[in-house]
Amino acid sequence: MNTKYHQLHTDTLQNRFGLRVAARLSAGTESLPHDIGERLRVARDQAVARRKQPVTAMHRRTASAASRNGNTATLTFGDDGLGFWGWLSSAALVLIMAAGLVVINVIQDDDRTTEVAELDAALLTDDLPPEAYADPGFLQYLKTGTSHGNGAMTR
């Protein structure tokens, strides 16, 4: 939706709401004393004088082409492109995002490598020989030992 049209529509709705509120307030002033009614009238007049004036004119453009596709029609208003600086800033943002993804990938790979290295170091410095980890019975013992809440092996 066009921003200027949206602003005009919003201003129109605000004006209608203001008129309804003013009418409601005016209807309620009949039972008030004269001096309070006058003060309210002056305050309303000041508020109306200070309110933002609505935008009365919209920019109109002529469509440069119209195309039809089945039951739909499309109007084109010429080149509304970004221009050189728009394309340059878009390309810079895409490059920055791609560089960020590469950095995240490298960091995650380094973290995985560090975890595997720590696991290997723990296996090699443990009291058990590495062949014990290949034994299916030992693997079953590890699975059942951790599922019972032991959490860690005792030496």
C-alpha atoms as a PDB file:
ATOM      1  CA  MET A   1       0.000   0.000   0.000  1.00  0.00           C
ATOM      2  CA  ASN A   2       1.220   3.472  -0.829  1.00  0.00           C
ATOM      3  CA  THR A   3       2.588   5.238   2.251  1.00  0.00           C
ATOM      4  CA  LYS A   4       1.030   8.593   1.378  1.00  0.00           C
ATOM      5  CA  TYR A   5      -2.354   6.973   0.780  1.00  0.00           C
ATOM      6  CA  HIS A   6      -2.039   5.128   4.092  1.00  0.00           C
ATOM      7  CA  GLN A   7      -1.217   8.405   5.887  1.00  0.00           C
ATOM      8  CA  LEU A   8      -4.189  10.146   4.242  1.00  0.00           C
ATOM      9  CA  HIS A   9      -6.465   7.264   5.220  1.00  0.00           C
ATOM     10  CA  THR A  10      -5.172   7.364   8.807  1.00  0.00           C
ATOM     11  CA  ASP A  11      -5.677  11.140   8.986  1.00  0.00           C
ATOM     12  CA  THR A  12      -9.237  10.774   7.688  1.00  0.00           C
ATOM     13  CA  LEU A  13     -10.036   8.135  10.295  1.00  0.00           C
ATOM     14  CA  GLN A  14      -8.544  10.305  13.031  1.00  0.00           C
ATOM     15  CA  ASN A  15     -10.607  13.287  11.897  1.00  0.00           C
ATOM     16  CA  ARG A  16     -13.805  11.220  11.917  1.00  0.00           C
ATOM     17  CA  PHE A  17     -13.031   9.939  15.402  1.00  0.00           C
ATOM     18  CA  GLY A  18     -12.322  13.480  16.600  1.00  0.00           C
ATOM     19  CA  LEU A  19     -15.636  14.723  15.215  1.00  0.00           C
ATOM     20  CA  ARG A  20     -17.520  11.902  16.959  1.00  0.00           C
ATOM     21  CA  VAL A  21     -15.773  12.637  20.268  1.00  0.00           C
ATOM     22  CA  ALA A  22     -16.476  16.356  19.896  1.00  0.00           C
ATOM     23  CA  ALA A  23     -20.157  15.657  19.194  1.00  0.00           C
ATOM     24  CA  ARG A  24     -20.371  13.397  22.250  1.00  0.00           C
ATOM     25  CA  LEU A  25     -18.662  15.994  24.442  1.00  0.00           C
ATOM     26  CA  SER A  26     -20.907  18.748  23.136  1.00  0.00           C
ATOM     27  CA  ALA A  27     -23.985  16.663  23.906  1.00  0.00           C
ATOM     28  CA  GLY A  28     -22.838  16.225  27.505  1.00  0.00           C
ATOM     29  CA  THR A  29     -22.233  19.944  28.169  1.00  0.00           C
ATOM     30  CA  GLU A  30     -25.918  20.887  28.322  1.00  0.00           C
ATOM     31  CA  SER A  31     -26.186  19.913  31.984  1.00  0.00           C
ATOM     32  CA  LEU A  32     -22.960  21.738  33.023  1.00  0.00           C
ATOM     33  CA  PRO A  33     -22.874  25.282  34.453  1.00  0.00           C
ATOM     34  CA  HIS A  34     -22.340  28.057  31.897  1.00  0.00           C
ATOM     35  CA  ASP A  35     -18.769  29.003  32.953  1.00  0.00           C
ATOM     36  CA  ILE A  36     -17.514  25.385  32.774  1.00  0.00           C
ATOM     37  CA  GLY A  37     -19.195  24.934  29.397  1.00  0.00           C
ATOM     38  CA  GLU A  38     -17.469  28.058  28.079  1.00  0.00           C
ATOM     39  CA  ARG A  39     -14.071  26.904  29.325  1.00  0.00           C
ATOM     40  CA  LEU A  40     -14.589  23.535  27.642  1.00  0.00           C
ATOM     41  CA  ARG A  41     -15.657  25.236  24.403  1.00  0.00           C
ATOM     42  CA  VAL A  42     -12.526  27.432  24.413  1.00  0.00           C
ATOM     43  CA  ALA A  43     -10.312  24.399  25.138  1.00  0.00           C
ATOM     44  CA  ARG A  44     -11.936  22.493  22.262  1.00  0.00           C
ATOM     45  CA  ASP A  45     -11.438  25.427  19.909  1.00  0.00           C
ATOM     46  CA  GLN A  46      -7.765  25.638  20.870  1.00  0.00           C
ATOM     47  CA  ALA A  47      -7.296  21.894  20.350  1.00  0.00           C
ATOM     48  CA  VAL A  48      -8.949  22.047  16.937  1.00  0.00           C
ATOM     49  CA  ALA A  49      -6.763  25.018  15.958  1.00  0.00           C
ATOM     50  CA  ARG A  50      -3.593  23.136  16.960  1.00  0.00           C
ATOM     51  CA  ARG A  51      -4.458  19.810  15.345  1.00  0.00           C
ATOM     52  CA  LYS A  52      -2.478  18.603  12.384  1.00  0.00           C
ATOM     53  CA  GLN A  53      -4.008  19.549   9.063  1.00  0.00           C
ATOM     54  CA  PRO A  54      -4.764  16.538   6.821  1.00  0.00           C
ATOM     55  CA  VAL A  55      -2.896  15.983   3.603  1.00  0.00           C
ATOM     56  CA  THR A  56      -5.297  16.958   0.864  1.00  0.00           C
ATOM     57  CA  ALA A  57      -3.440  16.014  -2.291  1.00  0.00           C
ATOM     58  CA  MET A  58      -2.003  12.678  -3.277  1.00  0.00           C
ATOM     59  CA  HIS A  59       0.680  12.294  -5.895  1.00  0.00           C
ATOM     60  CA  ARG A  60      -0.838  10.703  -8.946  1.00  0.00           C
ATOM     61  CA  ARG A  61       1.173   8.899 -11.539  1.00  0.00           C
ATOM     62  CA  THR A  62       0.191   7.490 -14.855  1.00  0.00           C
ATOM     63  CA  ALA A  63       0.857   3.822 -15.375  1.00  0.00           C
ATOM     64  CA  SER A  64       3.409   3.252 -18.112  1.00  0.00           C
ATOM     65  CA  ALA A  65       2.146  -0.225 -18.974  1.00  0.00           C
ATOM     66  CA  ALA A  66      -0.649  -2.608 -18.139  1.00  0.00           C
ATOM     67  CA  SER A  67      -0.424  -6.348 -18.552  1.00  0.00           C
ATOM     68  CA  ARG A  68      -3.073  -9.010 -18.237  1.00  0.00           C
ATOM     69  CA  ASN A  69      -2.577 -12.519 -16.944  1.00  0.00           C
ATOM     70  CA  GLY A  70      -5.793 -14.491 -16.828  1.00  0.00           C
ATOM     71  CA  ASN A  71      -8.258 -12.639 -14.627  1.00  0.00           C
ATOM     72  CA  THR A  72      -5.681 -10.306 -13.107  1.00  0.00           C
ATOM     73  CA  ALA A  73      -4.201  -7.065 -14.361  1.00  0.00           C
ATOM     74  CA  THR A  74      -0.878  -5.526 -13.398  1.00  0.00           C
ATOM     75  CA  LEU A  75       0.069  -1.878 -13.736  1.00  0.00           C
ATOM     76  CA  THR A  76       3.699  -0.843 -13.972  1.00  0.00           C
ATOM     77  CA  PHE A  77       4.776   2.674 -13.117  1.00  0.00           C
ATOM     78  CA  GLY A  78       8.145   2.698 -14.781  1.00  0.00           C
ATOM     79  CA  ASP A  79      11.472   2.098 -13.129  1.00  0.00           C
ATOM     80  CA  ASP A  80      11.069   2.354  -9.373  1.00  0.00           C
ATOM     81  CA  GLY A  81      14.466   0.762  -8.911  1.00  0.00           C
ATOM     82  CA  LEU A  82      16.831   1.385  -6.096  1.00  0.00           C
ATOM     83  CA  GLY A  83      19.391   3.237  -8.150  1.00  0.00           C
ATOM     84  CA  PHE A  84      23.143   2.818  -7.859  1.00  0.00           C
ATOM     85  CA  TRP A  85      23.423   3.488  -4.114  1.00  0.00           C
ATOM     86  CA  GLY A  86      20.456   1.275  -3.332  1.00  0.00           C
ATOM     87  CA  TRP A  87      21.981  -1.629  -5.242  1.00  0.00           C
ATOM     88  CA  LEU A  88      25.372  -0.992  -3.683  1.00  0.00           C
ATOM     89  CA  SER A  89      23.990  -0.986  -0.139  1.00  0.00           C
ATOM     90  CA  SER A  90      21.929  -4.115  -0.845  1.00  0.00           C
ATOM     91  CA  ALA A  91      24.973  -5.912  -2.227  1.00  0.00           C
ATOM     92  CA  ALA A  92      27.046  -4.834   0.788  1.00  0.00           C
ATOM     93  CA  LEU A  93      24.413  -6.201   3.174  1.00  0.00           C
ATOM     94  CA  VAL A  94      24.285  -9.521   1.321  1.00  0.00           C
ATOM     95  CA  LEU A  95      28.088  -9.792   1.428  1.00  0.00           C
ATOM     96  CA  ILE A  96      28.140  -8.996   5.162  1.00  0.00           C
ATOM     97  CA  MET A  97      25.499 -11.636   5.843  1.00  0.00           C
ATOM     98  CA  ALA A  98      27.397 -14.228   3.761  1.00  0.00           C
ATOM     99  CA  ALA A  99      30.623 -13.405   5.628  1.00  0.00           C
ATOM    100  CA  GLY A 100      28.775 -13.795   8.935  1.00  0.00           C
ATOM    101  CA  LEU A 101      27.522 -17.238   7.911  1.00  0.00           C
ATOM    102  CA  VAL A 102      31.039 -18.296   6.931  1.00  0.00           C
ATOM    103  CA  VAL A 103      32.399 -17.085  10.283  1.00  0.00           C
ATOM    104  CA  ILE A 104      29.680 -18.979  12.161  1.00  0.00           C
ATOM    105  CA  ASN A 105      30.490 -22.138  10.190  1.00  0.00           C
ATOM    106  CA  VAL A 106      34.213 -21.827  10.944  1.00  0.00           C
ATOM    107  CA  ILE A 107      33.564 -21.270  14.653  1.00  0.00           C
ATOM    108  CA  GLN A 108      31.252 -24.290  14.828  1.00  0.00           C
ATOM    109  CA  ASP A 109      33.806 -26.461  13.023  1.00  0.00           C
ATOM    110  CA  ASP A 110      36.495 -25.344  15.476  1.00  0.00           C
ATOM    111  CA  ASP A 111      34.200 -26.145  18.411  1.00  0.00           C
ATOM    112  CA  ARG A 112      33.483 -29.622  17.032  1.00  0.00           C
ATOM    113  CA  THR A 113      37.174 -30.241  16.448  1.00  0.00           C
ATOM    114  CA  THR A 114      37.978 -29.148  19.997  1.00  0.00           C
ATOM    115  CA  GLU A 115      35.305 -31.457  21.426  1.00  0.00           C
ATOM    116  CA  VAL A 116      36.570 -34.439  19.437  1.00  0.00           C
ATOM    117  CA  ALA A 117      40.167 -33.672  20.474  1.00  0.00           C
ATOM    118  CA  GLU A 118      39.168 -33.505  24.148  1.00  0.00           C
ATOM    119  CA  LEU A 119      37.297 -36.802  23.842  1.00  0.00           C
ATOM    120  CA  ASP A 120      40.285 -38.450  22.166  1.00  0.00           C
ATOM    121  CA  ALA A 121      42.630 -37.095  24.832  1.00  0.00           C
ATOM    122  CA  ALA A 122      40.344 -38.416  27.571  1.00  0.00           C
ATOM    123  CA  LEU A 123      40.196 -41.837  25.935  1.00  0.00           C
ATOM    124  CA  LEU A 124      43.942 -42.031  25.475  1.00  0.00           C
ATOM    125  CA  THR A 125      44.774 -40.916  29.022  1.00  0.00           C
ATOM    126  CA  ASP A 126      42.155 -43.140  30.685  1.00  0.00           C
ATOM    127  CA  ASP A 127      43.102 -46.293  32.630  1.00  0.00           C
ATOM    128  CA  LEU A 128      41.100 -48.491  30.269  1.00  0.00           C
ATOM    129  CA  PRO A 129      42.702 -49.684  27.072  1.00  0.00           C
ATOM    130  CA  PRO A 130      41.028 -48.430  23.859  1.00  0.00           C
ATOM    131  CA  GLU A 131      40.002 -52.036  23.012  1.00  0.00           C
ATOM    132  CA  ALA A 132      37.577 -51.966  25.946  1.00  0.00           C
ATOM    133  CA  TYR A 133      35.493 -49.358  24.200  1.00  0.00           C
ATOM    134  CA  ALA A 134      35.102 -51.681  21.182  1.00  0.00           C
ATOM    135  CA  ASP A 135      33.736 -54.486  23.385  1.00  0.00           C
ATOM    136  CA  PRO A 136      29.909 -54.722  22.987  1.00  0.00           C
ATOM    137  CA  GLY A 137      29.477 -55.747  26.609  1.00  0.00           C
ATOM    138  CA  PHE A 138      31.358 -52.691  27.818  1.00  0.00           C
ATOM    139  CA  LEU A 139      29.238 -50.419  25.591  1.00  0.00           C
ATOM    140  CA  GLN A 140      26.118 -52.028  27.093  1.00  0.00           C
ATOM    141  CA  TYR A 141      27.543 -51.431  30.574  1.00  0.00           C
ATOM    142  CA  LEU A 142      28.129 -47.773  29.728  1.00  0.00           C
ATOM    143  CA  LYS A 143      24.562 -47.417  28.414  1.00  0.00           C
ATOM    144  CA  THR A 144      22.953 -49.033  31.443  1.00  0.00           C
ATOM    145  CA  GLY A 145      25.314 -47.309  33.865  1.00  0.00           C
ATOM    146  CA  THR A 146      24.417 -43.843  32.583  1.00  0.00           C
ATOM    147  CA  SER A 147      20.696 -44.616  32.406  1.00  0.00           C
ATOM    148  CA  HIS A 148      20.631 -45.521  36.137  1.00  0.00           C
ATOM    149  CA  GLY A 149      21.848 -42.089  37.084  1.00  0.00           C
ATOM    150  CA  ASN A 150      25.533 -42.847  37.617  1.00  0.00           C
ATOM    151  CA  GLY A 151      26.459 -40.285  35.020  1.00  0.00           C
ATOM    152  CA  ALA A 152      30.198 -41.018  35.171  1.00  0.00           C
ATOM    153  CA  MET A 153      32.417 -44.062  35.408  1.00  0.00           C
ATOM    154  CA  THR A 154      34.240 -44.769  38.627  1.00  0.00           C
ATOM    155  CA  ARG A 155      37.875 -45.864  38.597  1.00  0.00           C
END
